[in-house]
Protein backbone atom coordinates (compact mmCIF):
# COMPACT_ATOMS: atom_id res chain seq x y z
CA UNK A 1 -51.80 4.48 83.11
CA UNK A 2 -50.45 7.41 81.52
CA UNK A 3 -47.05 8.88 81.62
CA UNK A 4 -46.98 11.60 84.24
CA UNK A 5 -44.33 14.74 83.18
CA UNK A 6 -43.37 16.87 85.91
CA UNK A 7 -42.07 19.99 85.04
CA UNK A 8 -38.90 21.03 87.20
CA UNK A 9 -37.55 24.15 86.16
CA UNK A 10 -37.36 27.13 82.99
CA UNK A 11 -34.25 28.32 82.16
CA UNK A 12 -32.89 31.14 79.83
CA UNK A 13 -29.56 30.47 78.36
CA UNK A 14 -26.96 32.39 76.38
CA UNK A 15 -25.08 31.37 73.46
CA UNK A 16 -22.02 33.09 72.24
CA UNK A 17 -20.77 32.45 68.79
CA UNK A 18 -17.79 34.38 67.37
CA UNK A 19 -18.35 37.49 65.77
CA UNK A 20 -22.14 37.73 66.33
CA UNK A 21 -24.41 39.14 69.38
CA UNK A 22 -25.19 36.61 72.25
CA UNK A 23 -28.30 34.64 71.24
CA UNK A 24 -31.23 33.95 73.68
CA UNK A 25 -32.38 30.46 73.97
CA UNK A 26 -34.99 29.29 76.21
CA UNK A 27 -35.15 25.79 77.75
CA UNK A 28 -37.74 23.52 79.98
CA UNK A 29 -36.35 20.68 82.03
CA UNK A 30 -39.27 17.93 82.81
CA UNK A 31 -38.94 15.04 85.01
CA UNK A 32 -40.71 11.97 83.38
CA UNK A 33 -40.11 8.28 83.20
CA UNK A 34 -37.25 8.33 85.84
CA UNK A 35 -35.40 10.62 83.71
CA UNK A 36 -35.10 14.52 83.49
CA UNK A 37 -35.16 15.55 80.04
CA UNK A 38 -34.26 19.65 78.71
CA UNK A 39 -35.97 20.96 75.58
CA UNK A 40 -34.32 23.62 74.07
CA UNK A 41 -37.47 25.70 72.65
CA UNK A 42 -35.68 27.63 70.34
CA UNK A 43 -34.17 24.72 68.00
CA UNK A 44 -36.17 21.74 68.88
CA UNK A 45 -33.34 19.43 70.49
CA UNK A 46 -34.07 17.82 73.62
CA UNK A 47 -31.54 15.71 75.68
CA UNK A 48 -31.78 13.65 78.99
CA UNK A 49 -30.09 12.81 81.89
CA UNK A 50 -30.07 11.43 85.46
CA UNK A 51 -29.47 14.58 87.12
CA UNK A 52 -30.56 18.35 86.14
CA UNK A 53 -26.95 19.32 85.71
CA UNK A 54 -26.15 16.06 83.19
CA UNK A 55 -28.88 17.48 81.60
CA UNK A 56 -27.63 20.48 80.99
CA UNK A 57 -24.13 19.56 80.11
CA UNK A 58 -25.92 16.88 77.40
CA UNK A 59 -27.74 19.95 76.00
CA UNK A 60 -24.74 22.03 75.02
CA UNK A 61 -23.25 18.69 73.78
CA UNK A 62 -26.37 18.40 71.28
CA UNK A 63 -26.85 22.22 70.47
CA UNK A 64 -23.04 21.99 69.35
CA UNK A 65 -23.51 18.92 67.26
CA UNK A 66 -26.50 20.72 65.73
CA UNK A 67 -25.13 23.73 64.90
CA UNK A 68 -21.67 21.97 63.48
CA UNK A 69 -24.38 19.90 61.10
CA UNK A 70 -25.68 23.40 59.64
CA UNK A 71 -23.91 24.13 56.54
CA UNK A 72 -24.08 27.87 57.05
CA UNK A 73 -22.12 27.30 60.56
CA UNK A 74 -18.79 25.77 59.24
CA UNK A 75 -18.27 29.62 59.00
CA UNK A 76 -18.89 30.47 62.78
CA UNK A 77 -17.25 27.30 64.43
CA UNK A 78 -14.01 25.45 63.79
CA UNK A 79 -13.58 22.11 64.25
CA UNK A 80 -11.68 22.37 67.28
CA UNK A 81 -13.76 24.74 68.83
CA UNK A 82 -15.80 22.52 71.38
CA UNK A 83 -17.11 25.10 73.74
CA UNK A 84 -20.10 27.16 72.36
CA UNK A 85 -20.44 29.44 75.00
CA UNK A 86 -23.85 28.64 76.33
CA UNK A 87 -24.49 29.32 80.08
CA UNK A 88 -27.71 28.87 81.90
CA UNK A 89 -29.40 31.18 84.21
CA UNK A 90 -32.64 30.88 86.29
C-alpha cells in the first residue's frame, strides 16, 4: 500500500524584506498521511500542520528561520524582526 498524495492548493506569496523589492514565492499544499504539507518551491522548505491555515503560519516561521540562518541575511533581518512580511494569495 503506497502513500497517496492529494494536491490541495497552489499559492503565490510575496516576501517583503527591508530595502529590497518584493520577492515572489511559489507554494504547494498537499494532503498526505493524515496531515497537510506545504512546500516553498523556491527555497526547498517544507512544513506541515493539521489545517491549511496552520501550514501557512508554520511555513512563514520556517522561512524566517531559513533566512536568519544565512550569513548574508543578517544585513536584512534584525534579531527582533519576526514578521518577514510573507502573505499568501490564491
